[in-house]
Amino acid sequence: MTNIIKNPRVTEKVSNLMERNVYTFDVVTSANKTQVAKAIFTLYKVKPVKVNILKVKEKQVFMRGKEGVKKGGKKALVYLKKEDKISEI
């Protein structure tokens, strides 16, 4: 169950969401909302109020004179109650 969540997503936009108790995680492409909610509960011992899953598109990149592709995937937005916090991020 814990292999559903790859890692927390840390960006400027996500840090603004964390003030409103919304945490963002990269998840495996086969994950669904209930699996993500169960994985959050087993890892952090908090029960999510709501989970949204979004697809991340592939991006064309050009670095050091070479073209490449940043692989896409899925990310999950996890909404918590006001009194709940995830401090390990």
Protein backbone atom coordinates (compact mmCIF):
# COMPACT_ATOMS: atom_id res chain seq x y z
CA MET A 1 0.00 0.00 0.00
CA THR A 2 2.85 2.40 0.72
CA ASN A 3 4.35 1.94 -2.75
CA ILE A 4 1.42 3.93 -4.20
CA ILE A 5 3.01 7.23 -3.17
CA LYS A 6 6.36 7.97 -4.80
CA ASN A 7 7.32 11.21 -3.06
CA PRO A 8 5.91 14.56 -1.92
CA ARG A 9 5.81 17.23 -4.61
CA VAL A 10 7.61 20.39 -3.45
CA THR A 11 7.07 23.52 -5.54
CA GLU A 12 6.20 27.14 -4.84
CA LYS A 13 2.58 26.56 -5.80
CA VAL A 14 2.34 23.52 -3.52
CA SER A 15 3.82 25.42 -0.57
CA ASN A 16 1.01 27.98 -0.90
CA LEU A 17 -1.53 25.15 -0.88
CA MET A 18 0.03 23.63 2.25
CA GLU A 19 -1.09 26.70 4.21
CA ARG A 20 -4.66 25.61 3.42
CA ASN A 21 -4.02 21.94 4.42
CA VAL A 22 -3.71 20.65 0.86
CA TYR A 23 -0.70 18.38 0.29
CA THR A 24 0.53 17.16 -3.09
CA PHE A 25 2.23 13.83 -3.84
CA ASP A 26 3.55 12.10 -6.94
CA VAL A 27 1.77 8.75 -7.28
CA VAL A 28 2.06 5.73 -9.56
CA THR A 29 0.04 5.89 -12.76
CA SER A 30 -2.22 3.00 -11.76
CA ALA A 31 -3.30 4.61 -8.47
CA ASN A 32 -6.88 5.64 -7.73
CA LYS A 33 -8.37 7.90 -5.03
CA THR A 34 -9.17 5.21 -2.49
CA GLN A 35 -5.70 3.68 -2.76
CA VAL A 36 -4.09 7.09 -2.24
CA ALA A 37 -6.30 7.81 0.79
CA LYS A 38 -5.38 4.45 2.38
CA ALA A 39 -1.67 5.01 1.68
CA ILE A 40 -1.78 8.48 3.30
CA PHE A 41 -3.45 6.99 6.36
CA THR A 42 -0.87 4.22 6.72
CA LEU A 43 2.11 6.54 6.19
CA TYR A 44 1.09 9.68 8.08
CA LYS A 45 -1.79 8.51 10.35
CA VAL A 46 -4.19 11.22 9.12
CA LYS A 47 -7.46 10.63 7.30
CA PRO A 48 -7.94 12.75 4.15
CA VAL A 49 -11.21 14.61 3.66
CA LYS A 50 -10.86 14.58 -0.12
CA VAL A 51 -8.39 13.34 -2.76
CA ASN A 52 -8.06 14.70 -6.30
CA ILE A 53 -5.87 12.98 -8.90
CA LEU A 54 -4.45 14.85 -11.89
CA LYS A 55 -2.44 13.70 -14.88
CA VAL A 56 0.94 15.33 -15.49
CA LYS A 57 1.70 15.67 -19.20
CA GLU A 58 5.03 14.87 -20.83
CA LYS A 59 7.13 17.94 -21.67
CA GLN A 60 9.62 18.49 -24.45
CA VAL A 61 12.89 19.85 -23.04
CA PHE A 62 16.10 21.15 -24.60
CA MET A 63 19.16 20.86 -22.38
CA ARG A 64 22.88 21.05 -23.15
CA GLY A 65 22.23 21.01 -26.88
CA LYS A 66 20.09 17.89 -26.81
CA GLU A 67 16.37 17.39 -27.05
CA GLY A 68 14.58 15.18 -24.59
CA VAL A 69 11.30 14.41 -22.89
CA LYS A 70 10.35 14.82 -19.25
CA LYS A 71 8.18 11.87 -18.44
CA GLY A 72 4.64 12.57 -17.25
CA GLY A 73 2.69 10.73 -14.58
CA LYS A 74 0.08 11.42 -11.93
CA LYS A 75 -0.12 13.66 -8.90
CA ALA A 76 -2.57 13.56 -6.02
CA LEU A 77 -3.94 16.53 -4.09
CA VAL A 78 -4.80 15.43 -0.55
CA TYR A 79 -7.14 17.65 1.48
CA LEU A 80 -6.99 17.40 5.28
CA LYS A 81 -9.04 18.81 8.17
CA LYS A 82 -7.89 22.09 9.72
CA GLU A 83 -6.51 20.39 12.82
CA ASP A 84 -4.57 17.72 10.87
CA LYS A 85 -1.02 18.33 9.64
CA ILE A 86 1.67 16.33 7.86
CA SER A 87 4.97 17.45 9.35
CA GLU A 88 7.40 15.10 7.57
CA ILE A 89 7.23 17.03 4.28
